C-alpha atoms as a PDB file:
ATOM      1  CA  MET A   1     116.861 103.849  91.016  1.00  0.00           C
ATOM      2  CA  LEU A   2     115.222 107.313  90.151  1.00  0.00           C
ATOM      3  CA  ILE A   3     112.134 108.294  89.181  1.00  0.00           C
ATOM      4  CA  THR A   4     111.462 111.652  87.295  1.00  0.00           C
ATOM      5  CA  VAL A   5     108.047 112.918  86.926  1.00  0.00           C
ATOM      6  CA  ASP A   6     107.962 115.918  84.511  1.00  0.00           C
ATOM      7  CA  LYS A   7     104.409 117.782  85.263  1.00  0.00           C
ATOM      8  CA  SER A   8     104.576 120.088  82.226  1.00  0.00           C
ATOM      9  CA  ALA A   9     105.654 117.439  79.735  1.00  0.00           C
ATOM     10  CA  GLN A  10     103.302 115.127  81.426  1.00  0.00           C
ATOM     11  CA  ARG A  11     106.064 112.204  81.183  1.00  0.00           C
ATOM     12  CA  MET A  12     107.581 110.242  83.649  1.00  0.00           C
ATOM     13  CA  SER A  13     111.133 108.653  83.320  1.00  0.00           C
ATOM     14  CA  ILE A  14     112.621 105.238  85.229  1.00  0.00           C
ATOM     15  CA  SER A  15     116.629 105.144  85.443  1.00  0.00           C
ATOM     16  CA  VAL A  16     118.252 101.983  87.446  1.00  0.00           C
ATOM     17  CA  ASP A  17     122.088 102.555  88.005  1.00  0.00           C
ATOM     18  CA  GLY A  18     122.055 105.653  85.934  1.00  0.00           C
ATOM     19  CA  LYS A  19     120.778 103.973  82.957  1.00  0.00           C
ATOM     20  CA  PRO A  20     117.086 104.959  80.905  1.00  0.00           C
ATOM     21  CA  ARG A  21     114.797 101.719  81.796  1.00  0.00           C
ATOM     22  CA  TYR A  22     111.010 103.352  80.654  1.00  0.00           C
ATOM     23  CA  ALA A  23     109.752 106.459  79.654  1.00  0.00           C
ATOM     24  CA  TRP A  24     105.677 107.031  79.936  1.00  0.00           C
ATOM     25  CA  SER A  25     103.022 109.444  79.483  1.00  0.00           C
ATOM     26  CA  VAL A  26     101.343 110.011  83.242  1.00  0.00           C
ATOM     27  CA  SER A  27      98.441 112.649  84.438  1.00  0.00           C
ATOM     28  CA  THR A  28      99.389 114.948  87.061  1.00  0.00           C
ATOM     29  CA  GLY A  29      97.089 117.237  89.343  1.00  0.00           C
ATOM     30  CA  LYS A  30      94.515 119.025  87.646  1.00  0.00           C
ATOM     31  CA  ALA A  31      93.406 122.506  88.888  1.00  0.00           C
ATOM     32  CA  GLY A  32      93.120 122.377  93.081  1.00  0.00           C
ATOM     33  CA  HIS A  33      94.812 119.276  93.123  1.00  0.00           C
ATOM     34  CA  GLU A  34      98.247 119.639  91.728  1.00  0.00           C
ATOM     35  CA  THR A  35     100.936 117.114  92.696  1.00  0.00           C
ATOM     36  CA  PRO A  36     103.511 117.579  95.006  1.00  0.00           C
ATOM     37  CA  VAL A  37     106.865 118.813  93.779  1.00  0.00           C
ATOM     38  CA  GLY A  38     110.074 117.634  95.449  1.00  0.00           C
ATOM     39  CA  THR A  39     112.156 114.606  96.147  1.00  0.00           C
ATOM     40  CA  PHE A  40     110.318 112.031  98.020  1.00  0.00           C
ATOM     41  CA  SER A  41     111.016 107.915  98.879  1.00  0.00           C
ATOM     42  CA  PRO A  42     108.086 105.411  98.724  1.00  0.00           C
ATOM     43  CA  SER A  43     106.522 105.056 102.063  1.00  0.00           C
ATOM     44  CA  ARG A  44     105.064 102.281 101.024  1.00  0.00           C
ATOM     45  CA  LEU A  45     103.681  99.425  98.175  1.00  0.00           C
ATOM     46  CA  VAL A  46     100.084  98.688  97.838  1.00  0.00           C
ATOM     47  CA  LYS A  47      98.887  96.203  95.041  1.00  0.00           C
ATOM     48  CA  ASP A  48      95.814  96.913  95.402  1.00  0.00           C
ATOM     49  CA  HIS A  49      94.451  99.832  96.844  1.00  0.00           C
ATOM     50  CA  ALA A  50      90.726 101.928  96.467  1.00  0.00           C
ATOM     51  CA  SER A  51      90.892 105.138  97.447  1.00  0.00           C
ATOM     52  CA  LYS A  52      88.783 105.867 100.423  1.00  0.00           C
ATOM     53  CA  GLU A  53      88.801 109.751  99.372  1.00  0.00           C
ATOM     54  CA  TRP A  54      87.726 109.407  95.973  1.00  0.00           C
ATOM     55  CA  ASP A  55      84.489 107.249  95.897  1.00  0.00           C
ATOM     56  CA  ASN A  56      86.554 104.035  96.185  1.00  0.00           C
ATOM     57  CA  SER A  57      88.508 104.330  93.062  1.00  0.00           C
ATOM     58  CA  PRO A  58      90.702 101.854  92.325  1.00  0.00           C
ATOM     59  CA  MET A  59      94.318 102.810  92.360  1.00  0.00           C
ATOM     60  CA  PRO A  60      96.325  99.459  91.437  1.00  0.00           C
ATOM     61  CA  HIS A  61     100.069  98.963  92.093  1.00  0.00           C
ATOM     62  CA  SER A  62     100.242 102.125  94.501  1.00  0.00           C
ATOM     63  CA  ILE A  63     103.597 103.576  95.424  1.00  0.00           C
ATOM     64  CA  PHE A  64     102.779 106.058  98.268  1.00  0.00           C
ATOM     65  CA  PHE A  65     105.214 108.728  98.414  1.00  0.00           C
ATOM     66  CA  THR A  66     103.606 111.324 101.061  1.00  0.00           C
ATOM     67  CA  HIS A  67     101.992 111.200 104.346  1.00  0.00           C
ATOM     68  CA  ARG A  68      98.742 113.114 102.586  1.00  0.00           C
ATOM     69  CA  GLY A  69      98.190 110.052 100.062  1.00  0.00           C
ATOM     70  CA  HIS A  70     100.092 110.831  96.859  1.00  0.00           C
ATOM     71  CA  ALA A  71     101.157 107.837  95.234  1.00  0.00           C
ATOM     72  CA  ILE A  72     102.285 106.835  91.670  1.00  0.00           C
ATOM     73  CA  HIS A  73      99.526 103.835  90.546  1.00  0.00           C
ATOM     74  CA  GLY A  74      97.510 102.893  87.592  1.00  0.00           C
ATOM     75  CA  SER A  75      94.458 104.314  85.924  1.00  0.00           C
ATOM     76  CA  ASN A  76      92.428 102.666  83.584  1.00  0.00           C
ATOM     77  CA  ALA A  77      91.229 106.259  82.577  1.00  0.00           C
ATOM     78  CA  ILE A  78      94.113 105.990  79.602  1.00  0.00           C
ATOM     79  CA  ARG A  79      92.603 108.757  77.538  1.00  0.00           C
ATOM     80  CA  SER A  80      93.480 111.793  80.346  1.00  0.00           C
ATOM     81  CA  LEU A  81      97.199 110.145  80.363  1.00  0.00           C
ATOM     82  CA  GLY A  82      99.395 113.422  78.613  1.00  0.00           C
ATOM     83  CA  ARG A  83      97.615 115.750  80.660  1.00  0.00           C
ATOM     84  CA  PRO A  84      96.643 116.916  84.217  1.00  0.00           C
ATOM     85  CA  ALA A  85      93.490 115.100  85.238  1.00  0.00           C
ATOM     86  CA  SER A  86      93.967 113.421  88.981  1.00  0.00           C
ATOM     87  CA  HIS A  87      93.358 114.222  92.177  1.00  0.00           C
ATOM     88  CA  GLY A  88      97.077 114.562  93.019  1.00  0.00           C
ATOM     89  CA  CYS A  89      98.425 111.411  92.144  1.00  0.00           C
ATOM     90  CA  VAL A  90     100.524 110.349  89.196  1.00  0.00           C
ATOM     91  CA  ARG A  91      98.700 108.081  86.817  1.00  0.00           C
ATOM     92  CA  LEU A  92      99.789 105.527  84.581  1.00  0.00           C
ATOM     93  CA  ALA A  93      98.639 102.906  82.356  1.00  0.00           C
ATOM     94  CA  PRO A  94      97.908 100.043  84.183  1.00  0.00           C
ATOM     95  CA  ALA A  95     100.449  97.816  82.481  1.00  0.00           C
ATOM     96  CA  ASN A  96     102.945 100.461  83.314  1.00  0.00           C
ATOM     97  CA  ALA A  97     102.163 100.693  86.870  1.00  0.00           C
ATOM     98  CA  ALA A  98     102.331  96.925  87.562  1.00  0.00           C
ATOM     99  CA  LYS A  99     105.955  96.737  85.640  1.00  0.00           C
ATOM    100  CA  LEU A 100     107.113 100.120  88.027  1.00  0.00           C
ATOM    101  CA  PHE A 101     105.440  98.589  91.165  1.00  0.00           C
ATOM    102  CA  ALA A 102     107.309  95.220  90.489  1.00  0.00           C
ATOM    103  CA  LEU A 103     110.812  97.258  90.037  1.00  0.00           C
ATOM    104  CA  VAL A 104     110.180  99.558  93.215  1.00  0.00           C
ATOM    105  CA  ARG A 105     110.000  96.392  95.062  1.00  0.00           C
ATOM    106  CA  SER A 106     112.821  94.215  93.175  1.00  0.00           C
ATOM    107  CA  GLU A 107     115.267  97.205  93.885  1.00  0.00           C
ATOM    108  CA  GLY A 108     113.929  97.940  97.233  1.00  0.00           C
ATOM    109  CA  MET A 109     111.975 101.293  98.555  1.00  0.00           C
ATOM    110  CA  GLN A 110     114.912 102.005 100.587  1.00  0.00           C
ATOM    111  CA  ASN A 111     117.364 102.599  96.907  1.00  0.00           C
ATOM    112  CA  THR A 112     114.349 104.191  95.354  1.00  0.00           C
ATOM    113  CA  ARG A 113     113.844 108.130  94.961  1.00  0.00           C
ATOM    114  CA  ILE A 114     110.929 109.775  93.209  1.00  0.00           C
ATOM    115  CA  VAL A 115     111.882 113.010  91.864  1.00  0.00           C
ATOM    116  CA  ILE A 116     108.879 115.612  90.785  1.00  0.00           C
ATOM    117  CA  GLN A 117     109.071 118.504  88.701  1.00  0.00           C
ATOM    118  CA  GLY A 118     107.679 121.361  86.430  1.00  0.00           C
ATOM    119  CA  HIS A 119     104.217 122.401  87.118  1.00  0.00           C
ATOM    120  CA  GLU A 120     100.982 121.911  85.419  1.00  0.00           C
ATOM    121  CA  THR A 121     100.015 122.945  82.370  1.00  0.00           C
ATOM    122  CA  ARG A 122      96.735 124.880  82.456  1.00  0.00           C
ATOM    123  CA  LYS A 123      94.032 125.290  79.857  1.00  0.00           C
ATOM    124  CA  THR A 124      94.181 128.996  78.699  1.00  0.00           C
ATOM    125  CA  ALA A 125      90.734 130.016  79.801  1.00  0.00           C
ATOM    126  CA  ALA A 126      88.022 129.734  77.228  1.00  0.00           C
ATOM    127  CA  ARG A 127      87.039 133.436  75.514  1.00  0.00           C
ATOM    128  CA  THR A 128      84.031 134.905  76.550  1.00  0.00           C
ATOM    129  CA  VAL A 129      81.560 134.904  73.350  1.00  0.00           C
ATOM    130  CA  LYS A 130      80.113 138.081  73.180  1.00  0.00           C
ATOM    131  CA  ARG A 131      76.289 137.287  73.349  1.00  0.00           C
ATOM    132  CA  ASP A 132      74.145 139.642  70.760  1.00  0.00           C
ATOM    133  CA  ARG A 133      70.271 139.590  69.465  1.00  0.00           C
ATOM    134  CA  PRO A 134      69.690 136.483  67.519  1.00  0.00           C
ATOM    135  CA  LYS A 135      70.072 137.109  64.264  1.00  0.00           C
ATOM    136  CA  ILE A 136      66.795 137.492  62.388  1.00  0.00           C
ATOM    137  CA  ARG A 137      66.280 136.186  59.007  1.00  0.00           C
ATOM    138  CA  PRO A 138      64.481 138.110  56.830  1.00  0.00           C
ATOM    139  CA  ALA A 139      61.232 136.469  55.870  1.00  0.00           C
ATOM    140  CA  GLU A 140      60.520 134.868  52.833  1.00  0.00           C
ATOM    141  CA  PRO A 141      58.093 136.164  50.226  1.00  0.00           C
ATOM    142  CA  MET A 142      54.736 134.841  51.296  1.00  0.00           C
ATOM    143  CA  SER A 143      52.276 134.580  48.518  1.00  0.00           C
ATOM    144  CA  VAL A 144      48.451 135.048  49.398  1.00  0.00           C
ATOM    145  CA  GLY A 145      46.963 132.099  51.254  1.00  0.00           C
ATOM    146  CA  ALA A 146      50.878 130.639  51.566  1.00  0.00           C
ATOM    147  CA  GLY A 147      50.483 127.700  54.119  1.00  0.00           C
ATOM    148  CA  TYR A 148      47.175 127.016  53.899  1.00  0.00           C
ATOM    149  CA  SER A 149      45.519 124.457  51.722  1.00  0.00           C
ATOM    150  CA  SER A 150      42.025 122.959  51.532  1.00  0.00           C
ATOM    151  CA  ARG A 151      43.381 119.519  51.579  1.00  0.00           C
ATOM    152  CA  LYS A 152      42.883 116.999  54.507  1.00  0.00           C
ATOM    153  CA  PRO A 153      46.257 116.358  56.286  1.00  0.00           C
ATOM    154  CA  ASP A 154      47.598 113.008  56.340  1.00  0.00           C
ATOM    155  CA  ARG A 155      48.729 111.047  59.225  1.00  0.00           C
ATOM    156  CA  ARG A 156      52.492 112.069  58.559  1.00  0.00           C
ATOM    157  CA  ASP A 157      51.219 115.756  58.869  1.00  0.00           C
ATOM    158  CA  ALA A 158      48.953 115.586  61.223  1.00  0.00           C
ATOM    159  CA  LEU A 159      49.883 117.269  64.738  1.00  0.00           C
ATOM    160  CA  ARG A 160      51.068 114.957  67.649  1.00  0.00           C
ATOM    161  CA  PRO A 161      50.826 115.782  71.032  1.00  0.00           C
ATOM    162  CA  ALA A 162      53.550 117.306  73.207  1.00  0.00           C
ATOM    163  CA  PRO A 163      56.393 114.943  74.420  1.00  0.00           C
ATOM    164  CA  ALA A 164      55.509 113.574  77.750  1.00  0.00           C
ATOM    165  CA  TYR A 165      58.378 113.976  80.120  1.00  0.00           C
ATOM    166  CA  ASN A 166      59.647 110.832  82.100  1.00  0.00           C
ATOM    167  CA  GLY A 167      60.467 112.910  85.450  1.00  0.00           C
ATOM    168  CA  TYR A 168      64.102 112.933  84.739  1.00  0.00           C
ATOM    169  CA  GLY A 169      64.068 116.152  82.684  1.00  0.00           C
ATOM    170  CA  GLY A 170      64.424 114.620  79.058  1.00  0.00           C
ATOM    171  CA  PRO A 171      61.577 113.923  77.089  1.00  0.00           C
ATOM    172  CA  VAL A 172      60.181 110.172  76.169  1.00  0.00           C
ATOM    173  CA  ASN A 173      60.346 108.963  72.934  1.00  0.00           C
ATOM    174  CA  THR A 174      56.793 109.307  71.679  1.00  0.00           C
ATOM    175  CA  GLN A 175      57.436 108.467  68.197  1.00  0.00           C
ATOM    176  CA  ALA A 176      57.384 104.789  68.496  1.00  0.00           C
ATOM    177  CA  ILE A 177      53.636 104.736  70.474  1.00  0.00           C
ATOM    178  CA  TYR A 178      52.542 106.225  66.964  1.00  0.00           C
ATOM    179  CA  ASP A 179      54.842 103.955  64.480  1.00  0.00           C
ATOM    180  CA  TRP A 180      52.772 101.042  65.961  1.00  0.00           C
ATOM    181  CA  ARG A 181      49.420 101.660  64.419  1.00  0.00           C
END
């Protein structure tokens, strides 16, 4: 059995006895956490693994292939599939990871080769936006006494106190306080 991971395309293909069986989108390592390139053999299979290094993140159906802890495993971060997003592992959709895990188990770890090739595509650096002075809007023509009136403001026009802060850096929604009256 041959598992081929193309980091450039963020795709995995699986063939058994030279016949293509599956092809899936994956996520490999992001910048600073690249997935190693080379030919590997599975070293162990763990059905329900949690990463001790990354906050007990679930790694269901893990197929470990390096002594440093790199594995092919399921991930609930399916929106990230198709682009580098992991800390070096190869992530799959959970259902696909379960299929691959069962296939490696039935074919045997000694009969399985994992080939990882290519390189993770990198986002191009964001362009630096030149920050000039703020744009100044021309003043609207004012008539004498514009904005002033002798009428008493009704409740909607009354000034409200500055919003209170809740200690978490965000203002408290004071609108509800005024709306109950």
